[in-house]
Amino acid sequence: MLQKKVFKINGMHCTSCALNIDLDLEEIKGVRKSSTSYAKHETIVEFDNNIIKPERIIELIKKTGYIADLT
């Protein structure tokens, strides 16, 4: 089942950070699309909840060096 969630991101320093988050997340099985905004300090992730859970997405964002929480 496809879901869309907004995650608050802390630790981004520039638009390249946002791009890196999108590229990393979109390689993960179950993530269909990631749209990260440096200006808003958030990412909107569309994912298959049967394959990946929001908690796992938060863990993956943290592994890339940023702090993430559900809004």
N, C-alpha and C. Protein backbone atom coordinates (compact mmCIF):
# COMPACT_ATOMS: atom_id res chain seq x y z
N MET A 1 0.84 -1.17 0.00
CA MET A 1 0.00 0.00 0.00
C MET A 1 0.89 1.24 0.00
N LEU A 2 0.72 2.10 -0.99
CA LEU A 2 1.53 3.31 -1.09
C LEU A 2 1.08 4.34 -0.06
N GLN A 3 2.07 4.94 0.59
CA GLN A 3 1.82 6.01 1.55
C GLN A 3 2.76 7.16 1.24
N LYS A 4 2.37 8.32 1.72
CA LYS A 4 3.20 9.51 1.59
C LYS A 4 3.32 10.13 2.98
N LYS A 5 4.56 10.33 3.43
CA LYS A 5 4.80 10.91 4.75
C LYS A 5 5.80 12.05 4.62
N VAL A 6 5.67 13.02 5.53
CA VAL A 6 6.60 14.14 5.60
C VAL A 6 7.53 13.91 6.79
N PHE A 7 8.82 13.99 6.53
CA PHE A 7 9.83 13.83 7.56
C PHE A 7 10.57 15.16 7.73
N LYS A 8 10.72 15.63 8.97
CA LYS A 8 11.49 16.83 9.26
C LYS A 8 12.97 16.43 9.27
N ILE A 9 13.81 17.21 8.59
CA ILE A 9 15.23 16.90 8.48
C ILE A 9 16.05 18.03 9.11
N ASN A 10 16.96 17.68 9.99
CA ASN A 10 17.90 18.63 10.56
C ASN A 10 19.31 18.22 10.17
N GLY A 11 20.17 19.21 9.99
CA GLY A 11 21.56 18.93 9.68
C GLY A 11 21.94 19.19 8.23
N MET A 12 20.98 19.60 7.40
CA MET A 12 21.31 19.92 6.02
C MET A 12 21.98 21.29 5.97
N HIS A 13 23.02 21.42 5.13
CA HIS A 13 23.75 22.67 5.02
C HIS A 13 23.56 23.37 3.68
N CYS A 14 23.01 22.63 2.69
CA CYS A 14 22.87 23.22 1.36
C CYS A 14 21.92 22.36 0.53
N THR A 15 21.66 22.80 -0.69
CA THR A 15 20.75 22.04 -1.56
C THR A 15 21.36 20.71 -1.98
N SER A 16 22.68 20.60 -1.97
CA SER A 16 23.31 19.32 -2.29
C SER A 16 22.97 18.26 -1.24
N CYS A 17 22.83 18.69 0.00
CA CYS A 17 22.42 17.77 1.06
C CYS A 17 21.05 17.17 0.73
N ALA A 18 20.13 18.03 0.30
CA ALA A 18 18.78 17.58 -0.06
C ALA A 18 18.84 16.59 -1.21
N LEU A 19 19.64 16.88 -2.20
CA LEU A 19 19.79 15.99 -3.35
C LEU A 19 20.35 14.64 -2.92
N ASN A 20 21.34 14.65 -2.03
CA ASN A 20 21.93 13.40 -1.55
C ASN A 20 20.91 12.54 -0.81
N ILE A 21 20.06 13.17 -0.01
CA ILE A 21 19.02 12.41 0.69
C ILE A 21 18.09 11.75 -0.32
N ASP A 22 17.65 12.51 -1.33
CA ASP A 22 16.77 11.95 -2.36
C ASP A 22 17.42 10.77 -3.08
N LEU A 23 18.65 10.96 -3.49
CA LEU A 23 19.35 9.89 -4.23
C LEU A 23 19.50 8.64 -3.37
N ASP A 24 19.86 8.81 -2.10
CA ASP A 24 20.02 7.66 -1.21
C ASP A 24 18.70 6.94 -0.96
N LEU A 25 17.64 7.70 -0.69
CA LEU A 25 16.36 7.07 -0.39
C LEU A 25 15.77 6.37 -1.60
N GLU A 26 15.90 6.96 -2.77
CA GLU A 26 15.28 6.36 -3.96
C GLU A 26 15.96 5.08 -4.41
N GLU A 27 17.11 4.76 -3.83
CA GLU A 27 17.77 3.48 -4.11
C GLU A 27 17.25 2.36 -3.22
N ILE A 28 16.46 2.71 -2.20
CA ILE A 28 15.98 1.74 -1.23
C ILE A 28 14.71 1.05 -1.74
N LYS A 29 14.71 -0.26 -1.62
CA LYS A 29 13.53 -1.04 -2.04
C LYS A 29 12.32 -0.60 -1.24
N GLY A 30 11.25 -0.29 -1.92
CA GLY A 30 10.01 0.13 -1.29
C GLY A 30 9.78 1.62 -1.35
N VAL A 31 10.86 2.40 -1.56
CA VAL A 31 10.71 3.85 -1.70
C VAL A 31 10.46 4.16 -3.16
N ARG A 32 9.34 4.78 -3.43
CA ARG A 32 8.98 5.11 -4.80
C ARG A 32 9.53 6.48 -5.21
N LYS A 33 9.43 7.46 -4.29
CA LYS A 33 9.88 8.81 -4.60
C LYS A 33 10.23 9.55 -3.32
N SER A 34 11.26 10.38 -3.41
CA SER A 34 11.66 11.24 -2.31
C SER A 34 11.84 12.65 -2.85
N SER A 35 11.25 13.61 -2.17
CA SER A 35 11.36 15.00 -2.57
C SER A 35 11.77 15.83 -1.35
N THR A 36 13.06 16.20 -1.30
CA THR A 36 13.60 16.89 -0.14
C THR A 36 13.76 18.37 -0.45
N SER A 37 13.35 19.19 0.50
CA SER A 37 13.47 20.65 0.38
C SER A 37 14.44 21.17 1.43
N TYR A 38 15.54 21.76 0.98
CA TYR A 38 16.49 22.38 1.90
C TYR A 38 15.83 23.57 2.59
N ALA A 39 15.07 24.36 1.86
CA ALA A 39 14.42 25.55 2.41
C ALA A 39 13.43 25.22 3.52
N LYS A 40 12.71 24.11 3.36
CA LYS A 40 11.71 23.71 4.35
C LYS A 40 12.27 22.75 5.40
N HIS A 41 13.47 22.24 5.15
CA HIS A 41 14.10 21.24 6.03
C HIS A 41 13.18 20.04 6.24
N GLU A 42 12.67 19.53 5.12
CA GLU A 42 11.81 18.36 5.17
C GLU A 42 11.93 17.55 3.89
N THR A 43 11.52 16.31 4.00
CA THR A 43 11.43 15.46 2.82
C THR A 43 10.08 14.79 2.80
N ILE A 44 9.50 14.68 1.64
CA ILE A 44 8.24 13.97 1.45
C ILE A 44 8.60 12.67 0.74
N VAL A 45 8.26 11.57 1.38
CA VAL A 45 8.63 10.26 0.84
C VAL A 45 7.37 9.47 0.52
N GLU A 46 7.32 8.97 -0.71
CA GLU A 46 6.25 8.08 -1.13
C GLU A 46 6.84 6.67 -1.12
N PHE A 47 6.19 5.77 -0.38
CA PHE A 47 6.75 4.44 -0.18
C PHE A 47 5.66 3.39 -0.03
N ASP A 48 6.06 2.14 -0.21
CA ASP A 48 5.16 1.00 -0.04
C ASP A 48 5.29 0.52 1.40
N ASN A 49 4.24 0.74 2.17
CA ASN A 49 4.25 0.39 3.59
C ASN A 49 4.35 -1.12 3.83
N ASN A 50 4.07 -1.92 2.82
CA ASN A 50 4.23 -3.37 2.96
C ASN A 50 5.69 -3.78 2.86
N ILE A 51 6.53 -2.92 2.30
CA ILE A 51 7.95 -3.23 2.10
C ILE A 51 8.84 -2.51 3.11
N ILE A 52 8.53 -1.25 3.38
CA ILE A 52 9.37 -0.45 4.28
C ILE A 52 8.48 0.41 5.18
N LYS A 53 8.88 0.53 6.42
CA LYS A 53 8.12 1.30 7.41
C LYS A 53 8.77 2.66 7.63
N PRO A 54 7.98 3.65 8.08
CA PRO A 54 8.53 4.98 8.32
C PRO A 54 9.73 4.99 9.28
N GLU A 55 9.70 4.13 10.27
CA GLU A 55 10.81 4.06 11.23
C GLU A 55 12.11 3.67 10.54
N ARG A 56 12.02 2.79 9.56
CA ARG A 56 13.20 2.38 8.80
C ARG A 56 13.71 3.52 7.93
N ILE A 57 12.80 4.30 7.37
CA ILE A 57 13.20 5.46 6.56
C ILE A 57 13.97 6.45 7.44
N ILE A 58 13.49 6.67 8.66
CA ILE A 58 14.19 7.56 9.59
C ILE A 58 15.60 7.03 9.86
N GLU A 59 15.73 5.73 10.10
CA GLU A 59 17.05 5.13 10.33
C GLU A 59 17.97 5.35 9.13
N LEU A 60 17.44 5.18 7.93
CA LEU A 60 18.26 5.34 6.72
C LEU A 60 18.70 6.79 6.54
N ILE A 61 17.82 7.74 6.84
CA ILE A 61 18.20 9.15 6.76
C ILE A 61 19.30 9.45 7.78
N LYS A 62 19.17 8.90 8.98
CA LYS A 62 20.19 9.12 10.01
C LYS A 62 21.54 8.54 9.59
N LYS A 63 21.52 7.42 8.87
CA LYS A 63 22.78 6.82 8.39
C LYS A 63 23.48 7.72 7.38
N THR A 64 22.74 8.59 6.70
CA THR A 64 23.37 9.50 5.75
C THR A 64 23.92 10.75 6.45
N GLY A 65 23.71 10.85 7.78
CA GLY A 65 24.30 11.93 8.54
C GLY A 65 23.36 13.05 8.94
N TYR A 66 22.06 12.83 8.80
CA TYR A 66 21.08 13.86 9.13
C TYR A 66 20.14 13.35 10.23
N ILE A 67 19.47 14.26 10.88
CA ILE A 67 18.50 13.91 11.91
C ILE A 67 17.11 13.99 11.30
N ALA A 68 16.32 12.96 11.50
CA ALA A 68 14.99 12.90 10.88
C ALA A 68 13.93 12.51 11.89
N ASP A 69 12.76 13.11 11.74
CA ASP A 69 11.59 12.77 12.56
C ASP A 69 10.36 12.93 11.70
N LEU A 70 9.32 12.18 12.03
CA LEU A 70 8.03 12.37 11.36
C LEU A 70 7.41 13.66 11.85
N THR A 71 6.76 14.38 10.93
CA THR A 71 6.08 15.62 11.35
C THR A 71 4.67 15.33 11.78
